[in-house]
Amino acid sequence: DALEQVTRFDVTEDGTLLLIGGESGAV
């Protein structure tokens, strides 16, 4: 369900991959 809502991504300084999306643009 979460993957279906992903619209963008980011990578933090420590290398963590963040998949972001949903109506609120949350992680």
mmCIF file of all heavy atoms, coordinates in Angstrom:
data_MODEL
# 
_entry.id   MODEL 
# 
loop_
_atom_site.group_PDB 
_atom_site.id 
_atom_site.type_symbol 
_atom_site.label_atom_id 
_atom_site.label_alt_id 
_atom_site.label_comp_id 
_atom_site.label_asym_id 
_atom_site.label_entity_id 
_atom_site.label_seq_id 
_atom_site.pdbx_PDB_ins_code 
_atom_site.Cartn_x 
_atom_site.Cartn_y 
_atom_site.Cartn_z 
_atom_site.occupancy 
_atom_site.B_iso_or_equiv 
_atom_site.pdbx_formal_charge 
_atom_site.auth_seq_id 
_atom_site.auth_comp_id 
_atom_site.auth_asym_id 
_atom_site.auth_atom_id 
_atom_site.pdbx_PDB_model_num 
ATOM 1   N N   . ASP A 1 1  ? 0.836  -1.211 0.000  1.00 0.00 ? 1  ASP A N   1 
ATOM 2   C CA  . ASP A 1 1  ? 0.000  0.000  0.000  1.00 0.00 ? 1  ASP A CA  1 
ATOM 3   C C   . ASP A 1 1  ? 0.869  1.258  0.000  1.00 0.00 ? 1  ASP A C   1 
ATOM 4   O O   . ASP A 1 1  ? 0.584  2.220  -0.708 1.00 0.00 ? 1  ASP A O   1 
ATOM 5   C CB  . ASP A 1 1  ? -0.942 0.018  1.204  1.00 0.00 ? 1  ASP A CB  1 
ATOM 6   C CG  . ASP A 1 1  ? -2.053 -1.006 1.105  1.00 0.00 ? 1  ASP A CG  1 
ATOM 7   O OD1 . ASP A 1 1  ? -2.285 -1.548 -0.002 1.00 0.00 ? 1  ASP A OD1 1 
ATOM 8   O OD2 . ASP A 1 1  ? -2.694 -1.270 2.145  1.00 0.00 ? 1  ASP A OD2 1 
ATOM 9   N N   . ALA A 1 2  ? 1.924  1.254  0.806  1.00 0.00 ? 2  ALA A N   1 
ATOM 10  C CA  . ALA A 1 2  ? 2.818  2.411  0.871  1.00 0.00 ? 2  ALA A CA  1 
ATOM 11  C C   . ALA A 1 2  ? 3.531  2.624  -0.458 1.00 0.00 ? 2  ALA A C   1 
ATOM 12  O O   . ALA A 1 2  ? 3.641  3.760  -0.936 1.00 0.00 ? 2  ALA A O   1 
ATOM 13  C CB  . ALA A 1 2  ? 3.833  2.234  2.003  1.00 0.00 ? 2  ALA A CB  1 
ATOM 14  N N   . LEU A 1 3  ? 4.012  1.554  -1.083 1.00 0.00 ? 3  LEU A N   1 
ATOM 15  C CA  . LEU A 1 3  ? 4.712  1.687  -2.360 1.00 0.00 ? 3  LEU A CA  1 
ATOM 16  C C   . LEU A 1 3  ? 3.821  2.307  -3.431 1.00 0.00 ? 3  LEU A C   1 
ATOM 17  O O   . LEU A 1 3  ? 4.294  3.089  -4.255 1.00 0.00 ? 3  LEU A O   1 
ATOM 18  C CB  . LEU A 1 3  ? 5.240  0.329  -2.829 1.00 0.00 ? 3  LEU A CB  1 
ATOM 19  C CG  . LEU A 1 3  ? 6.430  -0.227 -2.054 1.00 0.00 ? 3  LEU A CG  1 
ATOM 20  C CD1 . LEU A 1 3  ? 6.766  -1.639 -2.543 1.00 0.00 ? 3  LEU A CD1 1 
ATOM 21  C CD2 . LEU A 1 3  ? 7.644  0.684  -2.174 1.00 0.00 ? 3  LEU A CD2 1 
ATOM 22  N N   . GLU A 1 4  ? 2.533  1.995  -3.404 1.00 0.00 ? 4  GLU A N   1 
ATOM 23  C CA  . GLU A 1 4  ? 1.605  2.560  -4.382 1.00 0.00 ? 4  GLU A CA  1 
ATOM 24  C C   . GLU A 1 4  ? 1.474  4.077  -4.240 1.00 0.00 ? 4  GLU A C   1 
ATOM 25  O O   . GLU A 1 4  ? 1.100  4.757  -5.187 1.00 0.00 ? 4  GLU A O   1 
ATOM 26  C CB  . GLU A 1 4  ? 0.222  1.926  -4.233 1.00 0.00 ? 4  GLU A CB  1 
ATOM 27  C CG  . GLU A 1 4  ? 0.154  0.502  -4.696 1.00 0.00 ? 4  GLU A CG  1 
ATOM 28  C CD  . GLU A 1 4  ? -1.224 -0.111 -4.492 1.00 0.00 ? 4  GLU A CD  1 
ATOM 29  O OE1 . GLU A 1 4  ? -2.164 0.618  -4.095 1.00 0.00 ? 4  GLU A OE1 1 
ATOM 30  O OE2 . GLU A 1 4  ? -1.357 -1.319 -4.735 1.00 0.00 ? 4  GLU A OE2 1 
ATOM 31  N N   . GLN A 1 5  ? 1.800  4.623  -3.070 1.00 0.00 ? 5  GLN A N   1 
ATOM 32  C CA  . GLN A 1 5  ? 1.644  6.054  -2.819 1.00 0.00 ? 5  GLN A CA  1 
ATOM 33  C C   . GLN A 1 5  ? 2.921  6.858  -3.029 1.00 0.00 ? 5  GLN A C   1 
ATOM 34  O O   . GLN A 1 5  ? 2.900  8.091  -2.969 1.00 0.00 ? 5  GLN A O   1 
ATOM 35  C CB  . GLN A 1 5  ? 1.172  6.265  -1.380 1.00 0.00 ? 5  GLN A CB  1 
ATOM 36  C CG  . GLN A 1 5  ? -0.173 5.650  -1.090 1.00 0.00 ? 5  GLN A CG  1 
ATOM 37  C CD  . GLN A 1 5  ? -0.552 5.864  0.352  1.00 0.00 ? 5  GLN A CD  1 
ATOM 38  O OE1 . GLN A 1 5  ? -0.549 6.997  0.843  1.00 0.00 ? 5  GLN A OE1 1 
ATOM 39  N NE2 . GLN A 1 5  ? -0.853 4.780  1.053  1.00 0.00 ? 5  GLN A NE2 1 
ATOM 40  N N   . VAL A 1 6  ? 4.044  6.208  -3.281 1.00 0.00 ? 6  VAL A N   1 
ATOM 41  C CA  . VAL A 1 6  ? 5.329  6.898  -3.407 1.00 0.00 ? 6  VAL A CA  1 
ATOM 42  C C   . VAL A 1 6  ? 5.321  7.807  -4.638 1.00 0.00 ? 6  VAL A C   1 
ATOM 43  O O   . VAL A 1 6  ? 4.923  7.400  -5.727 1.00 0.00 ? 6  VAL A O   1 
ATOM 44  C CB  . VAL A 1 6  ? 6.486  5.878  -3.493 1.00 0.00 ? 6  VAL A CB  1 
ATOM 45  C CG1 . VAL A 1 6  ? 7.795  6.571  -3.854 1.00 0.00 ? 6  VAL A CG1 1 
ATOM 46  C CG2 . VAL A 1 6  ? 6.629  5.125  -2.179 1.00 0.00 ? 6  VAL A CG2 1 
ATOM 47  N N   . THR A 1 7  ? 5.769  9.054  -4.429 1.00 0.00 ? 7  THR A N   1 
ATOM 48  C CA  . THR A 1 7  ? 5.897  10.003 -5.538 1.00 0.00 ? 7  THR A CA  1 
ATOM 49  C C   . THR A 1 7  ? 7.317  10.533 -5.691 1.00 0.00 ? 7  THR A C   1 
ATOM 50  O O   . THR A 1 7  ? 7.666  11.066 -6.731 1.00 0.00 ? 7  THR A O   1 
ATOM 51  C CB  . THR A 1 7  ? 4.959  11.201 -5.340 1.00 0.00 ? 7  THR A CB  1 
ATOM 52  O OG1 . THR A 1 7  ? 5.229  11.821 -4.079 1.00 0.00 ? 7  THR A OG1 1 
ATOM 53  C CG2 . THR A 1 7  ? 3.497  10.761 -5.416 1.00 0.00 ? 7  THR A CG2 1 
ATOM 54  N N   . ARG A 1 8  ? 8.124  10.409 -4.650 1.00 0.00 ? 8  ARG A N   1 
ATOM 55  C CA  . ARG A 1 8  ? 9.514  10.871 -4.743 1.00 0.00 ? 8  ARG A CA  1 
ATOM 56  C C   . ARG A 1 8  ? 10.350 10.175 -3.686 1.00 0.00 ? 8  ARG A C   1 
ATOM 57  O O   . ARG A 1 8  ? 9.833  9.454  -2.844 1.00 0.00 ? 8  ARG A O   1 
ATOM 58  C CB  . ARG A 1 8  ? 9.613  12.384 -4.617 1.00 0.00 ? 8  ARG A CB  1 
ATOM 59  C CG  . ARG A 1 8  ? 9.224  12.942 -3.289 1.00 0.00 ? 8  ARG A CG  1 
ATOM 60  C CD  . ARG A 1 8  ? 9.225  14.485 -3.325 1.00 0.00 ? 8  ARG A CD  1 
ATOM 61  N NE  . ARG A 1 8  ? 8.970  15.025 -2.010 1.00 0.00 ? 8  ARG A NE  1 
ATOM 62  C CZ  . ARG A 1 8  ? 9.907  15.314 -1.116 1.00 0.00 ? 8  ARG A CZ  1 
ATOM 63  N NH1 . ARG A 1 8  ? 11.187 15.121 -1.393 1.00 0.00 ? 8  ARG A NH1 1 
ATOM 64  N NH2 . ARG A 1 8  ? 9.585  15.804 0.065  1.00 0.00 ? 8  ARG A NH2 1 
ATOM 65  N N   . PHE A 1 9  ? 11.651 10.429 -3.737 1.00 0.00 ? 9  PHE A N   1 
ATOM 66  C CA  . PHE A 1 9  ? 12.562 9.840  -2.759 1.00 0.00 ? 9  PHE A CA  1 
ATOM 67  C C   . PHE A 1 9  ? 13.611 10.855 -2.361 1.00 0.00 ? 9  PHE A C   1 
ATOM 68  O O   . PHE A 1 9  ? 13.803 11.877 -3.017 1.00 0.00 ? 9  PHE A O   1 
ATOM 69  C CB  . PHE A 1 9  ? 13.233 8.585  -3.331 1.00 0.00 ? 9  PHE A CB  1 
ATOM 70  C CG  . PHE A 1 9  ? 14.277 8.882  -4.372 1.00 0.00 ? 9  PHE A CG  1 
ATOM 71  C CD1 . PHE A 1 9  ? 15.613 8.961  -4.024 1.00 0.00 ? 9  PHE A CD1 1 
ATOM 72  C CD2 . PHE A 1 9  ? 13.914 9.093  -5.685 1.00 0.00 ? 9  PHE A CD2 1 
ATOM 73  C CE1 . PHE A 1 9  ? 16.577 9.248  -4.984 1.00 0.00 ? 9  PHE A CE1 1 
ATOM 74  C CE2 . PHE A 1 9  ? 14.862 9.367  -6.646 1.00 0.00 ? 9  PHE A CE2 1 
ATOM 75  C CZ  . PHE A 1 9  ? 16.192 9.448  -6.299 1.00 0.00 ? 9  PHE A CZ  1 
ATOM 76  N N   . ASP A 1 10 ? 14.305 10.575 -1.290 1.00 0.00 ? 10 ASP A N   1 
ATOM 77  C CA  . ASP A 1 10 ? 15.434 11.377 -0.835 1.00 0.00 ? 10 ASP A CA  1 
ATOM 78  C C   . ASP A 1 10 ? 16.419 10.432 -0.169 1.00 0.00 ? 10 ASP A C   1 
ATOM 79  O O   . ASP A 1 10 ? 16.042 9.345  0.273  1.00 0.00 ? 10 ASP A O   1 
ATOM 80  C CB  . ASP A 1 10 ? 14.964 12.444 0.157  1.00 0.00 ? 10 ASP A CB  1 
ATOM 81  C CG  . ASP A 1 10 ? 15.978 13.572 0.344  1.00 0.00 ? 10 ASP A CG  1 
ATOM 82  O OD1 . ASP A 1 10 ? 17.043 13.544 -0.321 1.00 0.00 ? 10 ASP A OD1 1 
ATOM 83  O OD2 . ASP A 1 10 ? 15.712 14.478 1.151  1.00 0.00 ? 10 ASP A OD2 1 
ATOM 84  N N   . VAL A 1 11 ? 17.670 10.829 -0.102 1.00 0.00 ? 11 VAL A N   1 
ATOM 85  C CA  . VAL A 1 11 ? 18.700 10.072 0.602  1.00 0.00 ? 11 VAL A CA  1 
ATOM 86  C C   . VAL A 1 11 ? 19.315 11.016 1.628  1.00 0.00 ? 11 VAL A C   1 
ATOM 87  O O   . VAL A 1 11 ? 19.769 12.108 1.283  1.00 0.00 ? 11 VAL A O   1 
ATOM 88  C CB  . VAL A 1 11 ? 19.777 9.541  -0.372 1.00 0.00 ? 11 VAL A CB  1 
ATOM 89  C CG1 . VAL A 1 11 ? 20.863 8.787  0.390  1.00 0.00 ? 11 VAL A CG1 1 
ATOM 90  C CG2 . VAL A 1 11 ? 19.155 8.665  -1.447 1.00 0.00 ? 11 VAL A CG2 1 
ATOM 91  N N   . THR A 1 12 ? 19.304 10.606 2.881  1.00 0.00 ? 12 THR A N   1 
ATOM 92  C CA  . THR A 1 12 ? 19.833 11.444 3.953  1.00 0.00 ? 12 THR A CA  1 
ATOM 93  C C   . THR A 1 12 ? 21.356 11.392 3.967  1.00 0.00 ? 12 THR A C   1 
ATOM 94  O O   . THR A 1 12 ? 21.976 10.594 3.266  1.00 0.00 ? 12 THR A O   1 
ATOM 95  C CB  . THR A 1 12 ? 19.289 10.986 5.321  1.00 0.00 ? 12 THR A CB  1 
ATOM 96  O OG1 . THR A 1 12 ? 19.803 9.684  5.604  1.00 0.00 ? 12 THR A OG1 1 
ATOM 97  C CG2 . THR A 1 12 ? 17.770 10.979 5.336  1.00 0.00 ? 12 THR A CG2 1 
ATOM 98  N N   . GLU A 1 13 ? 21.954 12.235 4.801  1.00 0.00 ? 13 GLU A N   1 
ATOM 99  C CA  . GLU A 1 13 ? 23.415 12.282 4.911  1.00 0.00 ? 13 GLU A CA  1 
ATOM 100 C C   . GLU A 1 13 ? 24.010 10.946 5.329  1.00 0.00 ? 13 GLU A C   1 
ATOM 101 O O   . GLU A 1 13 ? 25.116 10.605 4.929  1.00 0.00 ? 13 GLU A O   1 
ATOM 102 C CB  . GLU A 1 13 ? 23.843 13.364 5.907  1.00 0.00 ? 13 GLU A CB  1 
ATOM 103 C CG  . GLU A 1 13 ? 23.669 14.763 5.370  1.00 0.00 ? 13 GLU A CG  1 
ATOM 104 C CD  . GLU A 1 13 ? 24.182 15.808 6.347  1.00 0.00 ? 13 GLU A CD  1 
ATOM 105 O OE1 . GLU A 1 13 ? 25.014 15.483 7.216  1.00 0.00 ? 13 GLU A OE1 1 
ATOM 106 O OE2 . GLU A 1 13 ? 23.744 16.960 6.219  1.00 0.00 ? 13 GLU A OE2 1 
ATOM 107 N N   . ASP A 1 14 ? 23.275 10.163 6.147  1.00 0.00 ? 14 ASP A N   1 
ATOM 108 C CA  . ASP A 1 14 ? 23.810 8.872  6.589  1.00 0.00 ? 14 ASP A CA  1 
ATOM 109 C C   . ASP A 1 14 ? 23.478 7.737  5.615  1.00 0.00 ? 14 ASP A C   1 
ATOM 110 O O   . ASP A 1 14 ? 23.738 6.568  5.901  1.00 0.00 ? 14 ASP A O   1 
ATOM 111 C CB  . ASP A 1 14 ? 23.330 8.533  8.004  1.00 0.00 ? 14 ASP A CB  1 
ATOM 112 C CG  . ASP A 1 14 ? 21.840 8.224  8.087  1.00 0.00 ? 14 ASP A CG  1 
ATOM 113 O OD1 . ASP A 1 14 ? 21.126 8.329  7.070  1.00 0.00 ? 14 ASP A OD1 1 
ATOM 114 O OD2 . ASP A 1 14 ? 21.382 7.858  9.187  1.00 0.00 ? 14 ASP A OD2 1 
ATOM 115 N N   . GLY A 1 15 ? 22.885 8.072  4.450  1.00 0.00 ? 15 GLY A N   1 
ATOM 116 C CA  . GLY A 1 15 ? 22.616 7.068  3.428  1.00 0.00 ? 15 GLY A CA  1 
ATOM 117 C C   . GLY A 1 15 ? 21.264 6.395  3.525  1.00 0.00 ? 15 GLY A C   1 
ATOM 118 O O   . GLY A 1 15 ? 20.978 5.463  2.778  1.00 0.00 ? 15 GLY A O   1 
ATOM 119 N N   . THR A 1 16 ? 20.408 6.862  4.423  1.00 0.00 ? 16 THR A N   1 
ATOM 120 C CA  . THR A 1 16 ? 19.067 6.295  4.545  1.00 0.00 ? 16 THR A CA  1 
ATOM 121 C C   . THR A 1 16 ? 18.222 6.712  3.342  1.00 0.00 ? 16 THR A C   1 
ATOM 122 O O   . THR A 1 16 ? 18.175 7.887  2.994  1.00 0.00 ? 16 THR A O   1 
ATOM 123 C CB  . THR A 1 16 ? 18.383 6.771  5.840  1.00 0.00 ? 16 THR A CB  1 
ATOM 124 O OG1 . THR A 1 16 ? 19.179 6.371  6.958  1.00 0.00 ? 16 THR A OG1 1 
ATOM 125 C CG2 . THR A 1 16 ? 16.985 6.199  5.977  1.00 0.00 ? 16 THR A CG2 1 
ATOM 126 N N   . LEU A 1 17 ? 17.572 5.751  2.717  1.00 0.00 ? 17 LEU A N   1 
ATOM 127 C CA  . LEU A 1 17 ? 16.663 6.010  1.606  1.00 0.00 ? 17 LEU A CA  1 
ATOM 128 C C   . LEU A 1 17 ? 15.278 6.291  2.168  1.00 0.00 ? 17 LEU A C   1 
ATOM 129 O O   . LEU A 1 17 ? 14.744 5.493  2.944  1.00 0.00 ? 17 LEU A O   1 
ATOM 130 C CB  . LEU A 1 17 ? 16.601 4.799  0.666  1.00 0.00 ? 17 LEU A CB  1 
ATOM 131 C CG  . LEU A 1 17 ? 15.547 4.857  -0.437 1.00 0.00 ? 17 LEU A CG  1 
ATOM 132 C CD1 . LEU A 1 17 ? 15.864 5.978  -1.429 1.00 0.00 ? 17 LEU A CD1 1 
ATOM 133 C CD2 . LEU A 1 17 ? 15.461 3.511  -1.147 1.00 0.00 ? 17 LEU A CD2 1 
ATOM 134 N N   . LEU A 1 18 ? 14.707 7.432  1.793  1.00 0.00 ? 18 LEU A N   1 
ATOM 135 C CA  . LEU A 1 18 ? 13.367 7.804  2.221  1.00 0.00 ? 18 LEU A CA  1 
ATOM 136 C C   . LEU A 1 18 ? 12.445 7.758  1.010  1.00 0.00 ? 18 LEU A C   1 
ATOM 137 O O   . LEU A 1 18 ? 12.722 8.404  -0.003 1.00 0.00 ? 18 LEU A O   1 
ATOM 138 C CB  . LEU A 1 18 ? 13.354 9.217  2.811  1.00 0.00 ? 18 LEU A CB  1 
ATOM 139 C CG  . LEU A 1 18 ? 14.318 9.499  3.955  1.00 0.00 ? 18 LEU A CG  1 
ATOM 140 C CD1 . LEU A 1 18 ? 14.250 10.974 4.348  1.00 0.00 ? 18 LEU A CD1 1 
ATOM 141 C CD2 . LEU A 1 18 ? 14.021 8.602  5.147  1.00 0.00 ? 18 LEU A CD2 1 
ATOM 142 N N   . LEU A 1 19 ? 11.376 6.992  1.091  1.00 0.00 ? 19 LEU A N   1 
ATOM 143 C CA  . LEU A 1 19 ? 10.355 6.973  0.055  1.00 0.00 ? 19 LEU A CA  1 
ATOM 144 C C   . LEU A 1 19 ? 9.206  7.827  0.562  1.00 0.00 ? 19 LEU A C   1 
ATOM 145 O O   . LEU A 1 19 ? 8.651  7.563  1.625  1.00 0.00 ? 19 LEU A O   1 
ATOM 146 C CB  . LEU A 1 19 ? 9.909  5.545  -0.247 1.00 0.00 ? 19 LEU A CB  1 
ATOM 147 C CG  . LEU A 1 19 ? 11.003 4.622  -0.792 1.00 0.00 ? 19 LEU A CG  1 
ATOM 148 C CD1 . LEU A 1 19 ? 10.437 3.240  -1.082 1.00 0.00 ? 19 LEU A CD1 1 
ATOM 149 C CD2 . LEU A 1 19 ? 11.650 5.200  -2.038 1.00 0.00 ? 19 LEU A CD2 1 
ATOM 150 N N   . ILE A 1 20 ? 8.844  8.855  -0.208 1.00 0.00 ? 20 ILE A N   1 
ATOM 151 C CA  . ILE A 1 20 ? 7.945  9.911  0.238  1.00 0.00 ? 20 ILE A CA  1 
ATOM 152 C C   . ILE A 1 20 ? 6.724  9.957  -0.665 1.00 0.00 ? 20 ILE A C   1 
ATOM 153 O O   . ILE A 1 20 ? 6.822  9.755  -1.871 1.00 0.00 ? 20 ILE A O   1 
ATOM 154 C CB  . ILE A 1 20 ? 8.693  11.260 0.200  1.00 0.00 ? 20 ILE A CB  1 
ATOM 155 C CG1 . ILE A 1 20 ? 9.954  11.164 1.073  1.00 0.00 ? 20 ILE A CG1 1 
ATOM 156 C CG2 . ILE A 1 20 ? 7.797  12.403 0.613  1.00 0.00 ? 20 ILE A CG2 1 
ATOM 157 C CD1 . ILE A 1 20 ? 10.958 12.252 0.838  1.00 0.00 ? 20 ILE A CD1 1 
ATOM 158 N N   . GLY A 1 21 ? 5.567  10.261 -0.089 1.00 0.00 ? 21 GLY A N   1 
ATOM 159 C CA  . GLY A 1 21 ? 4.365  10.399 -0.902 1.00 0.00 ? 21 GLY A CA  1 
ATOM 160 C C   . GLY A 1 21 ? 3.122  10.518 -0.064 1.00 0.00 ? 21 GLY A C   1 
ATOM 161 O O   . GLY A 1 21 ? 3.162  10.977 1.069  1.00 0.00 ? 21 GLY A O   1 
ATOM 162 N N   . GLY A 1 22 ? 2.012  10.082 -0.640 1.00 0.00 ? 22 GLY A N   1 
ATOM 163 C CA  . GLY A 1 22 ? 0.732  10.219 0.029  1.00 0.00 ? 22 GLY A CA  1 
ATOM 164 C C   . GLY A 1 22 ? 0.241  11.650 -0.066 1.00 0.00 ? 22 GLY A C   1 
ATOM 165 O O   . GLY A 1 22 ? 0.920  12.535 -0.591 1.00 0.00 ? 22 GLY A O   1 
ATOM 166 N N   . GLU A 1 23 ? -0.937 11.893 0.438  1.00 0.00 ? 23 GLU A N   1 
ATOM 167 C CA  . GLU A 1 23 ? -1.529 13.225 0.369  1.00 0.00 ? 23 GLU A CA  1 
ATOM 168 C C   . GLU A 1 23 ? -0.723 14.273 1.122  1.00 0.00 ? 23 GLU A C   1 
ATOM 169 O O   . GLU A 1 23 ? -0.656 15.429 0.715  1.00 0.00 ? 23 GLU A O   1 
ATOM 170 C CB  . GLU A 1 23 ? -2.954 13.185 0.910  1.00 0.00 ? 23 GLU A CB  1 
ATOM 171 C CG  . GLU A 1 23 ? -3.905 12.419 0.015  1.00 0.00 ? 23 GLU A CG  1 
ATOM 172 C CD  . GLU A 1 23 ? -5.324 12.434 0.552  1.00 0.00 ? 23 GLU A CD  1 
ATOM 173 O OE1 . GLU A 1 23 ? -5.658 13.310 1.363  1.00 0.00 ? 23 GLU A OE1 1 
ATOM 174 O OE2 . GLU A 1 23 ? -6.096 11.551 0.141  1.00 0.00 ? 23 GLU A OE2 1 
ATOM 175 N N   . SER A 1 24 ? -0.095 13.887 2.211  1.00 0.00 ? 24 SER A N   1 
ATOM 176 C CA  . SER A 1 24 ? 0.644  14.850 3.036  1.00 0.00 ? 24 SER A CA  1 
ATOM 177 C C   . SER A 1 24 ? 2.118  14.979 2.645  1.00 0.00 ? 24 SER A C   1 
ATOM 178 O O   . SER A 1 24 ? 2.824  15.801 3.200  1.00 0.00 ? 24 SER A O   1 
ATOM 179 C CB  . SER A 1 24 ? 0.540  14.449 4.503  1.00 0.00 ? 24 SER A CB  1 
ATOM 180 O OG  . SER A 1 24 ? 1.177  13.198 4.711  1.00 0.00 ? 24 SER A OG  1 
ATOM 181 N N   . GLY A 1 25 ? 2.587  14.163 1.725  1.00 0.00 ? 25 GLY A N   1 
ATOM 182 C CA  . GLY A 1 25 ? 3.997  14.197 1.345  1.00 0.00 ? 25 GLY A CA  1 
ATOM 183 C C   . GLY A 1 25 ? 4.909  13.701 2.454  1.00 0.00 ? 25 GLY A C   1 
ATOM 184 O O   . GLY A 1 25 ? 6.025  14.157 2.606  1.00 0.00 ? 25 GLY A O   1 
ATOM 185 N N   . ALA A 1 26 ? 4.414  12.762 3.225  1.00 0.00 ? 26 ALA A N   1 
ATOM 186 C CA  . ALA A 1 26 ? 5.158  12.229 4.371  1.00 0.00 ? 26 ALA A CA  1 
ATOM 187 C C   . ALA A 1 26 ? 6.108  11.106 3.949  1.00 0.00 ? 26 ALA A C   1 
ATOM 188 O O   . ALA A 1 26 ? 5.958  10.518 2.879  1.00 0.00 ? 26 ALA A O   1 
ATOM 189 C CB  . ALA A 1 26 ? 4.177  11.696 5.414  1.00 0.00 ? 26 ALA A CB  1 
ATOM 190 N N   . VAL A 1 27 ? 7.060  10.805 4.813  1.00 0.00 ? 27 VAL A N   1 
ATOM 191 C CA  . VAL A 1 27 ? 7.935  9.648  4.614  1.00 0.00 ? 27 VAL A CA  1 
ATOM 192 C C   . VAL A 1 27 ? 7.085  8.403  4.847  1.00 0.00 ? 27 VAL A C   1 
ATOM 193 O O   . VAL A 1 27 ? 6.508  8.223  5.917  1.00 0.00 ? 27 VAL A O   1 
ATOM 194 C CB  . VAL A 1 27 ? 9.137  9.676  5.576  1.00 0.00 ? 27 VAL A CB  1 
ATOM 195 C CG1 . VAL A 1 27 ? 9.934  8.395  5.459  1.00 0.00 ? 27 VAL A CG1 1 
ATOM 196 C CG2 . VAL A 1 27 ? 10.013 10.888 5.297  1.00 0.00 ? 27 VAL A CG2 1 
# 
